[in-house]
Amino acid sequence: MKKLSETPSVHETAKVSQSTLGKYTEVGAFCHVAYSTMGDYSYCVSGTQIAYSTIGKFSNIAANVRIYASMHPMERASLHHFTYRSAQYFEGEEDDASFFEWRESTPISIGHDTWIGHGAVIMPGVKIGNGAIIGSNAVVTKDVADFAIAVGVPAKTIKQRFSDPIASRLDALKWWDWSHEQLHEALPDFRKLGIEAFLDKYE
């Protein structure tokens, strides 16, 4: 049985560069993570690509997700790599640093305890709130609120997971900041208690 630990687990086929991974995190097979941060307990599986993103704790990222779909220079005469990855094509040329700085200027923020469904695409500059769910194959072009469920192309919110009072209480509880020991102790209640009973017990 696979056992996660405070040392991040990175599959031998995965690539992580210029990024920070928290405790109990996992980067699955053929995933790429670049210029990003993944909070404690978050994971991504099978072929997911992440760049220029800050991902909270306990984020559940399914297979073949694209977080930061790279933008091409639409205002130029050509969309192609040769205009900004120029060193690959021309002797003596350097890459266009300003273009990559522009990409970095539109990062993605994903909150705590989120679920990003299979094949979803999260576009640059988007913020996804705590507890939000993104449906499979959704294309997210606009911010998604805390505890919202967003689906479709382009993604639209179809419902909230909880009423506003319950969502506010859950957000204030911030259980995602609990210690590993606290999480373990509360595990039976995470499994069995309804949301209101859970909040009543731990607030």
C-alpha atoms as a PDB file:
ATOM      1  CA  MET A   1       0.000   0.000   0.000  1.00  0.00           C
ATOM      2  CA  LYS A   2       1.274   3.450  -0.915  1.00  0.00           C
ATOM      3  CA  LYS A   3       1.970   5.626   2.125  1.00  0.00           C
ATOM      4  CA  LEU A   4       2.206   9.398   1.853  1.00  0.00           C
ATOM      5  CA  SER A   5       4.362  11.442   4.213  1.00  0.00           C
ATOM      6  CA  GLU A   6       5.631  14.935   4.899  1.00  0.00           C
ATOM      7  CA  THR A   7       7.988  14.423   1.949  1.00  0.00           C
ATOM      8  CA  PRO A   8       6.122  15.082  -1.331  1.00  0.00           C
ATOM      9  CA  SER A   9       5.538  12.058  -3.564  1.00  0.00           C
ATOM     10  CA  VAL A  10       6.490  12.689  -7.201  1.00  0.00           C
ATOM     11  CA  HIS A  11       6.037   9.888  -9.745  1.00  0.00           C
ATOM     12  CA  GLU A  12       9.166   8.946 -11.672  1.00  0.00           C
ATOM     13  CA  THR A  13       7.527  10.059 -14.934  1.00  0.00           C
ATOM     14  CA  ALA A  14       6.382  13.418 -13.529  1.00  0.00           C
ATOM     15  CA  LYS A  15       8.296  16.676 -13.847  1.00  0.00           C
ATOM     16  CA  VAL A  16       8.325  19.385 -11.182  1.00  0.00           C
ATOM     17  CA  SER A  17      10.295  22.571 -11.782  1.00  0.00           C
ATOM     18  CA  GLN A  18      10.568  25.927 -10.009  1.00  0.00           C
ATOM     19  CA  SER A  19       7.735  24.852  -7.691  1.00  0.00           C
ATOM     20  CA  THR A  20       7.002  24.211  -4.011  1.00  0.00           C
ATOM     21  CA  LEU A  21       5.116  21.141  -2.818  1.00  0.00           C
ATOM     22  CA  GLY A  22       3.630  20.899   0.669  1.00  0.00           C
ATOM     23  CA  LYS A  23       3.443  17.961   3.060  1.00  0.00           C
ATOM     24  CA  TYR A  24       1.497  14.844   2.033  1.00  0.00           C
ATOM     25  CA  THR A  25       1.272  16.089  -1.559  1.00  0.00           C
ATOM     26  CA  GLU A  26       1.359  13.821  -4.592  1.00  0.00           C
ATOM     27  CA  VAL A  27       2.215  14.479  -8.236  1.00  0.00           C
ATOM     28  CA  GLY A  28       1.071  11.560 -10.380  1.00  0.00           C
ATOM     29  CA  ALA A  29       2.317   9.906 -13.544  1.00  0.00           C
ATOM     30  CA  PHE A  30       3.183  12.159 -16.482  1.00  0.00           C
ATOM     31  CA  CYS A  31       2.143  15.317 -14.628  1.00  0.00           C
ATOM     32  CA  HIS A  32       4.044  18.564 -15.129  1.00  0.00           C
ATOM     33  CA  VAL A  33       4.140  21.243 -12.429  1.00  0.00           C
ATOM     34  CA  ALA A  34       6.038  24.478 -13.094  1.00  0.00           C
ATOM     35  CA  TYR A  35       6.285  27.867 -11.381  1.00  0.00           C
ATOM     36  CA  SER A  36       3.600  26.811  -8.905  1.00  0.00           C
ATOM     37  CA  THR A  37       2.836  26.035  -5.284  1.00  0.00           C
ATOM     38  CA  MET A  38       0.745  23.092  -4.076  1.00  0.00           C
ATOM     39  CA  GLY A  39      -0.451  23.244  -0.471  1.00  0.00           C
ATOM     40  CA  ASP A  40      -0.368  20.374   2.012  1.00  0.00           C
ATOM     41  CA  TYR A  41      -2.360  17.227   1.102  1.00  0.00           C
ATOM     42  CA  SER A  42      -3.097  18.385  -2.462  1.00  0.00           C
ATOM     43  CA  TYR A  43      -2.572  16.022  -5.362  1.00  0.00           C
ATOM     44  CA  CYS A  44      -2.797  15.764  -9.135  1.00  0.00           C
ATOM     45  CA  VAL A  45      -2.984  12.571 -11.188  1.00  0.00           C
ATOM     46  CA  SER A  46      -2.210  11.218 -14.675  1.00  0.00           C
ATOM     47  CA  GLY A  47      -1.206  13.758 -17.255  1.00  0.00           C
ATOM     48  CA  THR A  48      -2.214  16.958 -15.482  1.00  0.00           C
ATOM     49  CA  GLN A  49      -0.296  20.144 -16.337  1.00  0.00           C
ATOM     50  CA  ILE A  50       0.005  23.031 -13.895  1.00  0.00           C
ATOM     51  CA  ALA A  51       1.848  26.325 -14.342  1.00  0.00           C
ATOM     52  CA  TYR A  52       1.925  29.776 -12.724  1.00  0.00           C
ATOM     53  CA  SER A  53      -0.550  28.686 -10.058  1.00  0.00           C
ATOM     54  CA  THR A  54      -1.036  28.816  -6.310  1.00  0.00           C
ATOM     55  CA  ILE A  55      -3.037  25.818  -5.160  1.00  0.00           C
ATOM     56  CA  GLY A  56      -4.353  25.586  -1.605  1.00  0.00           C
ATOM     57  CA  LYS A  57      -4.421  22.624   0.750  1.00  0.00           C
ATOM     58  CA  PHE A  58      -6.456  19.463   0.136  1.00  0.00           C
ATOM     59  CA  SER A  59      -7.019  20.184  -3.564  1.00  0.00           C
ATOM     60  CA  ASN A  60      -8.169  17.139  -5.538  1.00  0.00           C
ATOM     61  CA  ILE A  61      -7.029  17.469  -9.151  1.00  0.00           C
ATOM     62  CA  ALA A  62      -8.136  14.733 -11.540  1.00  0.00           C
ATOM     63  CA  ALA A  63      -6.452  13.364 -14.651  1.00  0.00           C
ATOM     64  CA  ASN A  64      -5.645  15.390 -17.770  1.00  0.00           C
ATOM     65  CA  VAL A  65      -6.446  18.732 -16.164  1.00  0.00           C
ATOM     66  CA  ARG A  66      -4.772  21.842 -17.579  1.00  0.00           C
ATOM     67  CA  ILE A  67      -4.272  24.598 -15.026  1.00  0.00           C
ATOM     68  CA  TYR A  68      -2.968  27.608 -16.934  1.00  0.00           C
ATOM     69  CA  ALA A  69      -3.596  27.021 -20.618  1.00  0.00           C
ATOM     70  CA  SER A  70      -0.681  28.951 -22.092  1.00  0.00           C
ATOM     71  CA  MET A  71      -1.621  32.011 -24.085  1.00  0.00           C
ATOM     72  CA  HIS A  72      -0.040  32.826 -27.435  1.00  0.00           C
ATOM     73  CA  PRO A  73       0.693  36.400 -28.585  1.00  0.00           C
ATOM     74  CA  MET A  74      -2.535  37.067 -30.480  1.00  0.00           C
ATOM     75  CA  GLU A  75      -1.656  40.688 -31.251  1.00  0.00           C
ATOM     76  CA  ARG A  76       1.510  39.750 -33.186  1.00  0.00           C
ATOM     77  CA  ALA A  77       1.773  38.919 -36.863  1.00  0.00           C
ATOM     78  CA  SER A  78       2.442  35.297 -35.834  1.00  0.00           C
ATOM     79  CA  LEU A  79       1.137  33.192 -32.962  1.00  0.00           C
ATOM     80  CA  HIS A  80       4.089  30.795 -33.225  1.00  0.00           C
ATOM     81  CA  HIS A  81       6.814  29.865 -30.743  1.00  0.00           C
ATOM     82  CA  PHE A  82       9.538  31.258 -32.948  1.00  0.00           C
ATOM     83  CA  THR A  83       8.620  34.801 -31.897  1.00  0.00           C
ATOM     84  CA  TYR A  84       9.225  34.135 -28.193  1.00  0.00           C
ATOM     85  CA  ARG A  85      11.157  30.843 -27.963  1.00  0.00           C
ATOM     86  CA  SER A  86      13.522  32.245 -30.555  1.00  0.00           C
ATOM     87  CA  ALA A  87      16.711  30.573 -29.281  1.00  0.00           C
ATOM     88  CA  GLN A  88      15.320  27.215 -30.426  1.00  0.00           C
ATOM     89  CA  TYR A  89      15.098  28.414 -34.004  1.00  0.00           C
ATOM     90  CA  PHE A  90      17.796  30.994 -34.675  1.00  0.00           C
ATOM     91  CA  GLU A  91      21.498  31.031 -33.943  1.00  0.00           C
ATOM     92  CA  GLY A  92      22.470  33.912 -31.678  1.00  0.00           C
ATOM     93  CA  GLU A  93      18.890  34.832 -30.722  1.00  0.00           C
ATOM     94  CA  GLU A  94      17.511  34.904 -27.177  1.00  0.00           C
ATOM     95  CA  ASP A  95      14.020  34.087 -25.991  1.00  0.00           C
ATOM     96  CA  ASP A  96      11.628  36.990 -25.515  1.00  0.00           C
ATOM     97  CA  ALA A  97      11.772  37.498 -21.735  1.00  0.00           C
ATOM     98  CA  SER A  98       8.992  40.093 -21.774  1.00  0.00           C
ATOM     99  CA  PHE A  99       6.548  37.554 -23.176  1.00  0.00           C
ATOM    100  CA  PHE A 100       7.207  35.097 -20.332  1.00  0.00           C
ATOM    101  CA  GLU A 101       6.936  37.925 -17.805  1.00  0.00           C
ATOM    102  CA  TRP A 102       3.508  38.649 -19.283  1.00  0.00           C
ATOM    103  CA  ARG A 103       2.499  35.015 -18.755  1.00  0.00           C
ATOM    104  CA  GLU A 104       3.637  35.174 -15.138  1.00  0.00           C
ATOM    105  CA  SER A 105       1.545  38.311 -14.607  1.00  0.00           C
ATOM    106  CA  THR A 106      -1.737  36.368 -14.889  1.00  0.00           C
ATOM    107  CA  PRO A 107      -1.415  33.573 -12.289  1.00  0.00           C
ATOM    108  CA  ILE A 108      -4.181  31.228 -11.161  1.00  0.00           C
ATOM    109  CA  SER A 109      -5.341  30.884  -7.553  1.00  0.00           C
ATOM    110  CA  ILE A 110      -7.144  27.749  -6.373  1.00  0.00           C
ATOM    111  CA  GLY A 111      -8.499  27.587  -2.831  1.00  0.00           C
ATOM    112  CA  HIS A 112      -8.495  24.890  -0.159  1.00  0.00           C
ATOM    113  CA  ASP A 113     -10.457  21.621  -0.404  1.00  0.00           C
ATOM    114  CA  THR A 114     -11.288  22.010  -4.087  1.00  0.00           C
ATOM    115  CA  TRP A 115     -12.103  19.363  -6.680  1.00  0.00           C
ATOM    116  CA  ILE A 116     -11.037  19.919 -10.276  1.00  0.00           C
ATOM    117  CA  GLY A 117     -12.715  17.323 -12.504  1.00  0.00           C
ATOM    118  CA  HIS A 118     -11.189  15.210 -15.268  1.00  0.00           C
ATOM    119  CA  GLY A 119     -10.054  17.147 -18.311  1.00  0.00           C
ATOM    120  CA  ALA A 120     -10.952  20.589 -16.959  1.00  0.00           C
ATOM    121  CA  VAL A 121      -9.083  23.634 -18.261  1.00  0.00           C
ATOM    122  CA  ILE A 122      -8.445  26.603 -15.979  1.00  0.00           C
ATOM    123  CA  MET A 123      -7.492  29.730 -17.910  1.00  0.00           C
ATOM    124  CA  PRO A 124      -4.902  32.306 -16.782  1.00  0.00           C
ATOM    125  CA  GLY A 125      -5.911  34.852 -14.163  1.00  0.00           C
ATOM    126  CA  VAL A 126      -8.810  32.819 -12.745  1.00  0.00           C
ATOM    127  CA  LYS A 127      -9.485  32.498  -9.013  1.00  0.00           C
ATOM    128  CA  ILE A 128     -11.312  29.428  -7.708  1.00  0.00           C
ATOM    129  CA  GLY A 129     -12.636  29.683  -4.155  1.00  0.00           C
ATOM    130  CA  ASN A 130     -12.393  27.344  -1.190  1.00  0.00           C
ATOM    131  CA  GLY A 131     -14.501  24.214  -1.433  1.00  0.00           C
ATOM    132  CA  ALA A 132     -15.411  24.773  -5.094  1.00  0.00           C
ATOM    133  CA  ILE A 133     -16.014  21.966  -7.586  1.00  0.00           C
ATOM    134  CA  ILE A 134     -15.153  22.236 -11.290  1.00  0.00           C
ATOM    135  CA  GLY A 135     -16.932  19.703 -13.504  1.00  0.00           C
ATOM    136  CA  SER A 136     -15.202  17.350 -15.911  1.00  0.00           C
ATOM    137  CA  ASN A 137     -14.121  18.955 -19.192  1.00  0.00           C
ATOM    138  CA  ALA A 138     -15.186  22.424 -18.021  1.00  0.00           C
ATOM    139  CA  VAL A 139     -13.308  25.442 -19.354  1.00  0.00           C
ATOM    140  CA  VAL A 140     -13.037  28.016 -16.575  1.00  0.00           C
ATOM    141  CA  THR A 141     -12.601  31.565 -17.884  1.00  0.00           C
ATOM    142  CA  LYS A 142     -14.014  33.505 -14.912  1.00  0.00           C
ATOM    143  CA  ASP A 143     -13.668  33.364 -11.131  1.00  0.00           C
ATOM    144  CA  VAL A 144     -15.607  30.683  -9.247  1.00  0.00           C
ATOM    145  CA  ALA A 145     -16.918  31.530  -5.763  1.00  0.00           C
ATOM    146  CA  ASP A 146     -16.310  29.579  -2.555  1.00  0.00           C
ATOM    147  CA  PHE A 147     -18.252  26.292  -2.415  1.00  0.00           C
ATOM    148  CA  ALA A 148     -19.713  26.780  -5.908  1.00  0.00           C
ATOM    149  CA  ILE A 149     -20.149  24.000  -8.478  1.00  0.00           C
ATOM    150  CA  ALA A 150     -19.226  25.168 -11.984  1.00  0.00           C
ATOM    151  CA  VAL A 151     -19.612  23.106 -15.157  1.00  0.00           C
ATOM    152  CA  GLY A 152     -19.633  23.520 -18.928  1.00  0.00           C
ATOM    153  CA  VAL A 153     -17.872  25.440 -21.696  1.00  0.00           C
ATOM    154  CA  PRO A 154     -17.430  28.144 -20.686  1.00  0.00           C
ATOM    155  CA  ALA A 155     -17.937  27.095 -17.084  1.00  0.00           C
ATOM    156  CA  LYS A 156     -20.962  28.508 -15.263  1.00  0.00           C
ATOM    157  CA  THR A 157     -22.012  28.060 -11.659  1.00  0.00           C
ATOM    158  CA  ILE A 158     -25.016  25.738 -11.431  1.00  0.00           C
ATOM    159  CA  LYS A 159     -25.410  25.614  -7.642  1.00  0.00           C
ATOM    160  CA  GLN A 160     -23.752  26.207  -4.285  1.00  0.00           C
ATOM    161  CA  ARG A 161     -22.726  23.233  -2.175  1.00  0.00           C
ATOM    162  CA  PHE A 162     -24.084  24.814   1.004  1.00  0.00           C
ATOM    163  CA  SER A 163     -26.305  27.679   2.105  1.00  0.00           C
ATOM    164  CA  ASP A 164     -24.506  30.977   2.700  1.00  0.00           C
ATOM    165  CA  PRO A 165     -24.633  30.647   6.524  1.00  0.00           C
ATOM    166  CA  ILE A 166     -23.190  27.110   6.418  1.00  0.00           C
ATOM    167  CA  ALA A 167     -20.521  28.132   3.887  1.00  0.00           C
ATOM    168  CA  SER A 168     -19.507  31.084   6.076  1.00  0.00           C
ATOM    169  CA  ARG A 169     -19.234  28.859   9.134  1.00  0.00           C
ATOM    170  CA  LEU A 170     -17.181  26.266   7.264  1.00  0.00           C
ATOM    171  CA  ASP A 171     -14.873  28.926   5.828  1.00  0.00           C
ATOM    172  CA  ALA A 172     -14.406  30.413   9.308  1.00  0.00           C
ATOM    173  CA  LEU A 173     -13.636  26.992  10.819  1.00  0.00           C
ATOM    174  CA  LYS A 174     -10.640  26.588   8.467  1.00  0.00           C
ATOM    175  CA  TRP A 175     -10.254  22.897   9.251  1.00  0.00           C
ATOM    176  CA  TRP A 176      -7.691  22.739   6.425  1.00  0.00           C
ATOM    177  CA  ASP A 177      -5.257  24.468   8.772  1.00  0.00           C
ATOM    178  CA  TRP A 178      -5.560  21.762  11.428  1.00  0.00           C
ATOM    179  CA  SER A 179      -2.525  19.690  12.316  1.00  0.00           C
ATOM    180  CA  HIS A 180      -2.089  16.162  10.994  1.00  0.00           C
ATOM    181  CA  GLU A 181      -2.921  14.883  14.472  1.00  0.00           C
ATOM    182  CA  GLN A 182      -6.123  16.943  14.667  1.00  0.00           C
ATOM    183  CA  LEU A 183      -7.222  15.682  11.256  1.00  0.00           C
ATOM    184  CA  HIS A 184      -6.614  12.098  12.320  1.00  0.00           C
ATOM    185  CA  GLU A 185      -8.541  12.581  15.561  1.00  0.00           C
ATOM    186  CA  ALA A 186     -11.498  14.104  13.697  1.00  0.00           C
ATOM    187  CA  LEU A 187     -11.485  11.492  10.923  1.00  0.00           C
ATOM    188  CA  PRO A 188     -14.535   9.570  12.252  1.00  0.00           C
ATOM    189  CA  ASP A 189     -16.530  12.815  12.299  1.00  0.00           C
ATOM    190  CA  PHE A 190     -15.433  13.799   8.776  1.00  0.00           C
ATOM    191  CA  ARG A 191     -16.765  10.410   7.691  1.00  0.00           C
ATOM    192  CA  LYS A 192     -20.026  10.223   9.638  1.00  0.00           C
ATOM    193  CA  LEU A 193     -21.306  13.611  10.776  1.00  0.00           C
ATOM    194  CA  GLY A 194     -23.497  15.816   8.622  1.00  0.00           C
ATOM    195  CA  ILE A 195     -22.152  19.275   7.891  1.00  0.00           C
ATOM    196  CA  GLU A 196     -24.170  21.084  10.586  1.00  0.00           C
ATOM    197  CA  ALA A 197     -23.350  18.509  13.258  1.00  0.00           C
ATOM    198  CA  PHE A 198     -19.689  18.706  12.275  1.00  0.00           C
ATOM    199  CA  LEU A 199     -19.690  22.498  12.565  1.00  0.00           C
ATOM    200  CA  ASP A 200     -21.576  22.425  15.865  1.00  0.00           C
ATOM    201  CA  LYS A 201     -18.973  20.083  17.315  1.00  0.00           C
ATOM    202  CA  TYR A 202     -15.818  21.840  16.109  1.00  0.00           C
ATOM    203  CA  GLU A 203     -16.627  25.539  16.034  1.00  0.00           C
END
